[in-house]
Amino acid sequence: MNKKIEIYSSNTCGYCDMAKDYFKKNNLKYIEYDISRDVTHRKRLMNMGYTSVPVILIEGEEILGFDEDKMNNMLKS
């Protein structure tokens, strides 16, 4: 089963790049919302209660930051 993966990122975020590299390395499709380019995405992120990136959603479950172990566990189940 392919899980829906979304990431809120910015173009100056090293941890965002690490997360996207992880997705690419593992052949995982993801939707990226770049808050540095789109104010709508920035507002949506702030409405979720976050002011920093990356925020990763796997099937709607939120992860703040790049936590490879947590992502591995969530993607396996």
N, C-alpha and C. Protein backbone atom coordinates (compact mmCIF):
# COMPACT_ATOMS: atom_id res chain seq x y z
N MET A 1 0.84 -1.18 0.00
CA MET A 1 0.00 0.00 0.00
C MET A 1 0.88 1.24 0.00
N ASN A 2 0.57 2.15 -0.91
CA ASN A 2 1.29 3.42 -0.93
C ASN A 2 0.60 4.40 0.01
N LYS A 3 1.36 4.93 0.93
CA LYS A 3 0.81 5.88 1.89
C LYS A 3 0.96 7.29 1.35
N LYS A 4 -0.01 8.13 1.69
CA LYS A 4 0.05 9.53 1.26
C LYS A 4 1.07 10.26 2.13
N ILE A 5 2.07 10.84 1.47
CA ILE A 5 3.13 11.58 2.15
C ILE A 5 3.10 13.02 1.67
N GLU A 6 3.07 13.93 2.63
CA GLU A 6 3.12 15.36 2.33
C GLU A 6 4.22 15.98 3.17
N ILE A 7 4.86 17.00 2.62
CA ILE A 7 5.91 17.69 3.37
C ILE A 7 5.77 19.19 3.16
N TYR A 8 5.77 19.90 4.28
CA TYR A 8 5.86 21.36 4.26
C TYR A 8 7.34 21.68 4.39
N SER A 9 7.85 22.46 3.44
CA SER A 9 9.29 22.72 3.40
C SER A 9 9.55 24.17 3.01
N SER A 10 10.83 24.54 3.07
CA SER A 10 11.26 25.82 2.51
C SER A 10 12.56 25.58 1.75
N ASN A 11 12.89 26.51 0.89
CA ASN A 11 14.06 26.31 0.03
C ASN A 11 15.38 26.55 0.75
N THR A 12 15.34 26.91 2.03
CA THR A 12 16.58 27.13 2.79
C THR A 12 16.73 26.13 3.94
N CYS A 13 15.96 25.06 3.91
CA CYS A 13 15.90 24.12 5.02
C CYS A 13 16.68 22.84 4.71
N GLY A 14 17.78 22.66 5.41
CA GLY A 14 18.60 21.46 5.21
C GLY A 14 17.89 20.18 5.61
N TYR A 15 17.11 20.21 6.69
CA TYR A 15 16.38 19.02 7.11
C TYR A 15 15.28 18.66 6.12
N CYS A 16 14.72 19.67 5.47
CA CYS A 16 13.74 19.41 4.41
C CYS A 16 14.41 18.65 3.27
N ASP A 17 15.60 19.10 2.89
CA ASP A 17 16.35 18.43 1.82
C ASP A 17 16.66 16.98 2.21
N MET A 18 17.03 16.77 3.48
CA MET A 18 17.31 15.40 3.94
C MET A 18 16.06 14.52 3.84
N ALA A 19 14.91 15.08 4.21
CA ALA A 19 13.67 14.32 4.14
C ALA A 19 13.32 13.98 2.70
N LYS A 20 13.45 14.95 1.80
CA LYS A 20 13.14 14.70 0.39
C LYS A 20 14.12 13.69 -0.21
N ASP A 21 15.39 13.77 0.17
CA ASP A 21 16.37 12.77 -0.29
C ASP A 21 15.99 11.38 0.21
N TYR A 22 15.52 11.28 1.45
CA TYR A 22 15.06 10.01 2.02
C TYR A 22 13.91 9.45 1.18
N PHE A 23 12.93 10.30 0.84
CA PHE A 23 11.80 9.85 0.04
C PHE A 23 12.27 9.36 -1.33
N LYS A 24 13.15 10.11 -1.96
CA LYS A 24 13.65 9.73 -3.28
C LYS A 24 14.44 8.43 -3.22
N LYS A 25 15.31 8.30 -2.22
CA LYS A 25 16.13 7.10 -2.06
C LYS A 25 15.27 5.85 -1.88
N ASN A 26 14.12 6.02 -1.23
CA ASN A 26 13.22 4.90 -0.96
C ASN A 26 12.06 4.81 -1.96
N ASN A 27 12.20 5.55 -3.07
CA ASN A 27 11.18 5.53 -4.13
C ASN A 27 9.78 5.81 -3.61
N LEU A 28 9.67 6.82 -2.75
CA LEU A 28 8.38 7.20 -2.17
C LEU A 28 7.89 8.47 -2.83
N LYS A 29 6.65 8.44 -3.28
CA LYS A 29 6.06 9.64 -3.87
C LYS A 29 5.58 10.54 -2.75
N TYR A 30 5.74 11.84 -2.95
CA TYR A 30 5.32 12.79 -1.92
C TYR A 30 4.83 14.07 -2.57
N ILE A 31 4.04 14.81 -1.82
CA ILE A 31 3.56 16.11 -2.24
C ILE A 31 4.30 17.15 -1.41
N GLU A 32 4.90 18.12 -2.08
CA GLU A 32 5.66 19.15 -1.37
C GLU A 32 4.92 20.48 -1.38
N TYR A 33 4.85 21.10 -0.21
CA TYR A 33 4.28 22.42 -0.06
C TYR A 33 5.41 23.35 0.38
N ASP A 34 5.89 24.19 -0.54
CA ASP A 34 7.02 25.07 -0.27
C ASP A 34 6.51 26.38 0.31
N ILE A 35 6.68 26.55 1.63
CA ILE A 35 6.15 27.74 2.29
C ILE A 35 6.93 29.01 1.95
N SER A 36 8.13 28.86 1.39
CA SER A 36 8.91 30.04 1.02
C SER A 36 8.41 30.62 -0.30
N ARG A 37 7.60 29.87 -1.03
CA ARG A 37 7.11 30.34 -2.33
C ARG A 37 5.61 30.57 -2.36
N ASP A 38 4.89 30.01 -1.39
CA ASP A 38 3.44 30.09 -1.44
C ASP A 38 2.88 30.46 -0.07
N VAL A 39 2.33 31.66 0.03
CA VAL A 39 1.83 32.14 1.31
C VAL A 39 0.64 31.30 1.79
N THR A 40 -0.12 30.73 0.87
CA THR A 40 -1.26 29.88 1.26
C THR A 40 -0.78 28.69 2.07
N HIS A 41 0.29 28.06 1.61
CA HIS A 41 0.85 26.90 2.33
C HIS A 41 1.42 27.34 3.68
N ARG A 42 2.06 28.50 3.72
CA ARG A 42 2.61 29.02 4.98
C ARG A 42 1.49 29.24 5.99
N LYS A 43 0.38 29.83 5.54
CA LYS A 43 -0.76 30.07 6.43
C LYS A 43 -1.37 28.75 6.91
N ARG A 44 -1.46 27.76 6.02
CA ARG A 44 -2.01 26.46 6.40
C ARG A 44 -1.13 25.81 7.48
N LEU A 45 0.19 25.90 7.30
CA LEU A 45 1.12 25.35 8.28
C LEU A 45 0.95 26.05 9.63
N MET A 46 0.84 27.36 9.62
CA MET A 46 0.68 28.11 10.86
C MET A 46 -0.66 27.77 11.54
N ASN A 47 -1.69 27.54 10.74
CA ASN A 47 -2.99 27.14 11.30
C ASN A 47 -2.93 25.76 11.95
N MET A 48 -1.97 24.95 11.52
CA MET A 48 -1.76 23.63 12.13
C MET A 48 -0.99 23.77 13.45
N GLY A 49 -0.47 24.98 13.72
CA GLY A 49 0.25 25.24 14.96
C GLY A 49 1.76 25.17 14.83
N TYR A 50 2.27 25.16 13.60
CA TYR A 50 3.72 25.06 13.38
C TYR A 50 4.25 26.35 12.78
N THR A 51 5.49 26.67 13.16
CA THR A 51 6.17 27.83 12.57
C THR A 51 7.51 27.45 11.97
N SER A 52 7.85 26.16 12.01
CA SER A 52 9.12 25.71 11.44
C SER A 52 8.88 24.49 10.56
N VAL A 53 9.83 24.22 9.72
CA VAL A 53 9.76 23.08 8.80
C VAL A 53 10.99 22.22 8.98
N PRO A 54 10.99 20.98 8.54
CA PRO A 54 9.90 20.34 7.83
C PRO A 54 8.80 19.85 8.77
N VAL A 55 7.59 19.87 8.25
CA VAL A 55 6.48 19.15 8.87
C VAL A 55 6.07 18.12 7.83
N ILE A 56 6.12 16.87 8.24
CA ILE A 56 5.83 15.75 7.34
C ILE A 56 4.54 15.10 7.81
N LEU A 57 3.66 14.84 6.87
CA LEU A 57 2.42 14.13 7.16
C LEU A 57 2.42 12.81 6.41
N ILE A 58 2.24 11.73 7.14
CA ILE A 58 2.11 10.40 6.54
C ILE A 58 0.72 9.92 6.90
N GLU A 59 -0.13 9.83 5.88
CA GLU A 59 -1.54 9.48 6.09
C GLU A 59 -2.17 10.42 7.12
N GLY A 60 -1.77 11.69 7.10
CA GLY A 60 -2.35 12.69 7.99
C GLY A 60 -1.71 12.78 9.36
N GLU A 61 -0.85 11.82 9.71
CA GLU A 61 -0.16 11.87 11.01
C GLU A 61 1.09 12.73 10.88
N GLU A 62 1.24 13.68 11.79
CA GLU A 62 2.27 14.71 11.67
C GLU A 62 3.58 14.32 12.35
N ILE A 63 4.67 14.69 11.69
CA ILE A 63 6.02 14.56 12.24
C ILE A 63 6.67 15.92 12.08
N LEU A 64 7.17 16.46 13.18
CA LEU A 64 7.91 17.72 13.11
C LEU A 64 9.39 17.40 13.00
N GLY A 65 10.02 17.92 11.95
CA GLY A 65 11.45 17.67 11.74
C GLY A 65 11.68 16.39 10.96
N PHE A 66 12.95 16.12 10.72
CA PHE A 66 13.33 14.91 9.98
C PHE A 66 13.69 13.84 11.00
N ASP A 67 12.78 12.90 11.20
CA ASP A 67 12.97 11.80 12.16
C ASP A 67 12.88 10.49 11.37
N GLU A 68 14.04 10.03 10.90
CA GLU A 68 14.08 8.87 10.01
C GLU A 68 13.49 7.62 10.66
N ASP A 69 13.81 7.39 11.94
CA ASP A 69 13.28 6.20 12.63
C ASP A 69 11.76 6.23 12.70
N LYS A 70 11.22 7.37 13.05
CA LYS A 70 9.76 7.50 13.14
C LYS A 70 9.11 7.30 11.77
N MET A 71 9.73 7.87 10.74
CA MET A 71 9.18 7.71 9.39
C MET A 71 9.23 6.25 8.96
N ASN A 72 10.35 5.58 9.24
CA ASN A 72 10.46 4.16 8.90
C ASN A 72 9.33 3.36 9.56
N ASN A 73 9.10 3.61 10.83
CA ASN A 73 8.04 2.89 11.55
C ASN A 73 6.67 3.18 10.98
N MET A 74 6.40 4.44 10.67
CA MET A 74 5.09 4.81 10.14
C MET A 74 4.86 4.26 8.74
N LEU A 75 5.91 4.17 7.96
CA LEU A 75 5.77 3.68 6.58
C LEU A 75 5.67 2.16 6.51
N LYS A 76 6.18 1.47 7.52
CA LYS A 76 6.09 0.00 7.55
C LYS A 76 4.71 -0.49 7.94
N SER A 77 4.06 0.24 8.84
CA SER A 77 2.77 -0.24 9.35
C SER A 77 1.64 -0.04 8.37
